[in-house]
């Protein structure tokens, strides 16, 4: 973290045993996916070299960078439980989501719509979407029964799904600085 790294070698994806990767506070524009590199193909026997190769990864922190798009191959990270992509420049969450996430922080981006897949993350305990450009929260969030925290302040929310009240374990819901109607 905090090394002013602007890029890294795709060879880092060969660290298949890595469980905790902290890239926060750097100058990364992306978490790259390398497709069709012949040298990497010889070494890895994989055509698309990216995050998906890091199958043991449990925590990924890439906050405080300049990431502009949702990283590819996230849905292949079956063991990833904690993901922080806060304080970047992402306008959307287009792409796959790790299936077993417990903590997801995408605060302080420019996200206008949540990825519809977020409502399928049944293990999710904390979802931080604060300081984005959201106008609505998906009604399916009520299905996430394990969620305890959902900071959603400083967005453009104009209404709330009445069914948010069905979240029995929800302990903290922050909605300040939105555009909610009475």
Protein backbone atom coordinates (compact mmCIF):
# COMPACT_ATOMS: atom_id res chain seq x y z
CA UNK A 1 0.00 0.00 0.00
CA UNK A 2 0.91 3.64 -0.57
CA UNK A 3 3.83 3.06 -2.90
CA UNK A 4 2.70 5.20 -5.85
CA UNK A 5 2.54 2.12 -8.07
CA UNK A 6 0.96 2.94 -11.44
CA UNK A 7 1.11 -0.59 -12.89
CA UNK A 8 2.40 -4.03 -12.08
CA UNK A 9 3.58 -7.07 -13.96
CA UNK A 10 0.91 -9.64 -14.87
CA UNK A 11 3.33 -12.22 -13.47
CA UNK A 12 1.99 -11.29 -10.02
CA UNK A 13 -1.13 -13.29 -10.90
CA UNK A 14 0.97 -16.43 -10.65
CA UNK A 15 0.96 -16.01 -6.86
CA UNK A 16 -1.80 -18.58 -6.58
CA UNK A 17 -1.29 -19.00 -2.80
CA UNK A 18 -1.79 -15.29 -2.03
CA UNK A 19 -4.67 -14.69 0.40
CA UNK A 20 -4.40 -10.98 1.23
CA UNK A 21 -3.46 -8.36 -1.39
CA UNK A 22 -3.31 -4.70 -0.41
CA UNK A 23 -2.91 -2.22 -3.25
CA UNK A 24 -4.51 0.82 -1.63
CA UNK A 25 -3.08 4.30 -1.94
CA UNK A 26 -1.37 3.87 -5.28
CA UNK A 27 -1.84 5.28 -8.78
CA UNK A 28 -3.46 2.25 -10.45
CA UNK A 29 -5.90 2.95 -13.30
CA UNK A 30 -6.96 -0.69 -13.46
CA UNK A 31 -6.38 -4.18 -12.18
CA UNK A 32 -5.36 -5.46 -15.59
CA UNK A 33 -6.39 -8.51 -17.54
CA UNK A 34 -3.81 -9.63 -20.10
CA UNK A 35 -5.24 -11.52 -23.06
CA UNK A 36 -3.24 -13.49 -25.59
CA UNK A 37 0.30 -12.72 -24.41
CA UNK A 38 2.34 -15.59 -25.89
CA UNK A 39 5.04 -15.52 -23.20
CA UNK A 40 2.45 -15.61 -20.41
CA UNK A 41 0.59 -18.36 -22.25
CA UNK A 42 3.75 -20.47 -22.26
CA UNK A 43 4.32 -19.85 -18.55
CA UNK A 44 0.77 -20.16 -17.26
CA UNK A 45 -1.05 -22.13 -19.99
CA UNK A 46 -3.81 -19.56 -19.58
CA UNK A 47 -5.02 -17.29 -22.40
CA UNK A 48 -6.55 -14.63 -20.12
CA UNK A 49 -4.18 -13.82 -17.26
CA UNK A 50 -5.79 -11.81 -14.49
CA UNK A 51 -7.26 -11.78 -11.00
CA UNK A 52 -9.10 -15.04 -11.68
CA UNK A 53 -5.84 -16.93 -11.31
CA UNK A 54 -5.54 -15.90 -7.65
CA UNK A 55 -7.94 -18.57 -6.45
CA UNK A 56 -6.98 -18.41 -2.76
CA UNK A 57 -7.40 -14.64 -2.44
CA UNK A 58 -9.60 -13.80 0.57
CA UNK A 59 -9.01 -10.04 0.89
CA UNK A 60 -8.40 -7.48 -1.83
CA UNK A 61 -7.94 -3.81 -0.94
CA UNK A 62 -7.47 -1.46 -3.90
CA UNK A 63 -8.92 1.74 -2.45
CA UNK A 64 -7.50 5.21 -3.01
CA UNK A 65 -6.35 4.57 -6.58
CA UNK A 66 -7.58 5.82 -9.95
CA UNK A 67 -9.42 2.68 -11.04
CA UNK A 68 -11.98 3.60 -13.70
CA UNK A 69 -13.73 0.30 -14.38
CA UNK A 70 -14.85 -2.75 -12.47
CA UNK A 71 -12.01 -5.32 -12.49
CA UNK A 72 -12.53 -8.30 -14.77
CA UNK A 73 -12.63 -11.91 -13.55
CA UNK A 74 -13.95 -10.94 -10.10
CA UNK A 75 -16.58 -13.67 -10.36
CA UNK A 76 -13.76 -16.24 -10.48
CA UNK A 77 -12.53 -15.33 -7.00
CA UNK A 78 -14.57 -17.94 -5.16
CA UNK A 79 -12.73 -17.44 -1.84
CA UNK A 80 -12.78 -13.64 -1.79
CA UNK A 81 -14.63 -12.42 1.32
CA UNK A 82 -13.52 -8.79 1.61
CA UNK A 83 -13.30 -6.35 -1.28
CA UNK A 84 -12.53 -2.66 -0.99
CA UNK A 85 -12.53 -0.51 -4.11
CA UNK A 86 -13.41 2.73 -2.31
CA UNK A 87 -12.09 6.14 -3.38
CA UNK A 88 -11.64 5.33 -7.06
CA UNK A 89 -13.28 6.68 -10.22
CA UNK A 90 -15.68 3.89 -11.21
CA UNK A 91 -19.02 4.99 -12.72
CA UNK A 92 -20.46 1.46 -12.57
CA UNK A 93 -20.03 -2.05 -11.21
CA UNK A 94 -20.43 -3.80 -14.57
CA UNK A 95 -18.98 -7.27 -14.40
CA UNK A 96 -19.07 -10.30 -12.21
CA UNK A 97 -19.00 -10.28 -8.42
CA UNK A 98 -17.16 -12.72 -6.15
CA UNK A 99 -19.87 -15.16 -4.99
CA UNK A 100 -18.94 -15.37 -1.30
CA UNK A 101 -18.30 -11.73 -0.39
CA UNK A 102 -18.97 -10.76 3.22
CA UNK A 103 -17.74 -7.15 3.02
CA UNK A 104 -17.98 -4.90 -0.04
CA UNK A 105 -16.88 -1.27 0.02
CA UNK A 106 -17.39 0.73 -3.19
CA UNK A 107 -17.86 4.06 -1.44
CA UNK A 108 -16.49 7.32 -2.85
CA UNK A 109 -16.76 6.42 -6.53
CA UNK A 110 -19.19 7.69 -9.16
CA UNK A 111 -21.44 4.62 -9.28
CA UNK A 112 -24.92 5.35 -10.62
CA UNK A 113 -26.43 1.85 -10.42
CA UNK A 114 -25.55 -1.12 -8.27
CA UNK A 115 -24.69 -4.32 -10.07
CA UNK A 116 -27.92 -6.39 -10.03
CA UNK A 117 -25.85 -9.39 -8.89
CA UNK A 118 -25.29 -7.72 -5.51
CA UNK A 119 -28.68 -9.01 -4.36
CA UNK A 120 -27.44 -12.61 -4.83
CA UNK A 121 -24.55 -12.22 -2.37
CA UNK A 122 -26.22 -14.10 0.48
CA UNK A 123 -23.13 -14.00 2.74
CA UNK A 124 -22.87 -10.20 2.53
CA UNK A 125 -22.73 -8.59 6.00
CA UNK A 126 -21.61 -5.07 5.08
CA UNK A 127 -22.21 -3.07 1.92
CA UNK A 128 -20.83 0.47 1.77
CA UNK A 129 -22.20 2.43 -1.19
CA UNK A 130 -21.88 5.88 0.37
CA UNK A 131 -20.68 8.91 -1.61
CA UNK A 132 -21.72 7.75 -5.06
CA UNK A 133 -24.44 8.86 -7.50
CA UNK A 134 -27.07 6.21 -6.72
CA UNK A 135 -30.71 7.24 -7.25
CA UNK A 136 -32.24 3.98 -6.03
CA UNK A 137 -31.34 0.82 -4.15
CA UNK A 138 -32.39 -2.51 -5.64
CA UNK A 139 -35.48 -3.93 -3.98
CA UNK A 140 -33.81 -7.33 -3.90
CA UNK A 141 -31.49 -6.10 -1.15
CA UNK A 142 -34.13 -7.36 1.27
CA UNK A 143 -32.96 -10.89 0.41
CA UNK A 144 -29.59 -10.23 2.04
CA UNK A 145 -30.56 -11.35 5.51
CA UNK A 146 -27.02 -11.39 6.96
CA UNK A 147 -26.34 -7.73 6.23
CA UNK A 148 -25.74 -5.67 9.37
CA UNK A 149 -24.34 -2.43 7.93
CA UNK A 150 -25.26 -0.42 4.85
CA UNK A 151 -23.84 3.09 4.70
CA UNK A 152 -25.72 4.78 1.83
CA UNK A 153 -25.27 8.43 2.69
CA UNK A 154 -24.30 11.13 0.21
CA UNK A 155 -25.96 9.73 -2.88
CA UNK A 156 -28.94 10.91 -4.92
CA UNK A 157 -31.51 8.55 -3.43
CA UNK A 158 -35.05 9.87 -3.86
CA UNK A 159 -36.95 6.92 -2.39
CA UNK A 160 -36.44 3.78 -0.38
CA UNK A 161 -37.87 0.36 -0.89
CA UNK A 162 -40.33 -0.23 1.97
CA UNK A 163 -39.03 -3.78 2.19
CA UNK A 164 -35.72 -2.65 3.63
CA UNK A 165 -37.56 -3.05 6.92
CA UNK A 166 -37.43 -6.82 6.39
CA UNK A 167 -33.70 -6.83 7.08
CA UNK A 168 -33.82 -8.22 10.59
CA UNK A 169 -30.07 -8.08 11.26
CA UNK A 170 -29.55 -4.56 9.93
CA UNK A 171 -27.94 -2.52 12.72
CA UNK A 172 -26.67 0.52 10.85
CA UNK A 173 -28.32 2.28 7.90
CA UNK A 174 -26.94 5.71 7.01
CA UNK A 175 -29.05 7.84 4.65
CA UNK A 176 -27.97 11.41 5.36
CA UNK A 177 -27.34 13.80 2.47
CA UNK A 178 -29.66 12.21 -0.06
CA UNK A 179 -32.76 13.56 -1.81
CA UNK A 180 -35.36 11.47 -0.03
CA UNK A 181 -38.97 12.59 -0.23
CA UNK A 182 -41.13 12.74 2.90
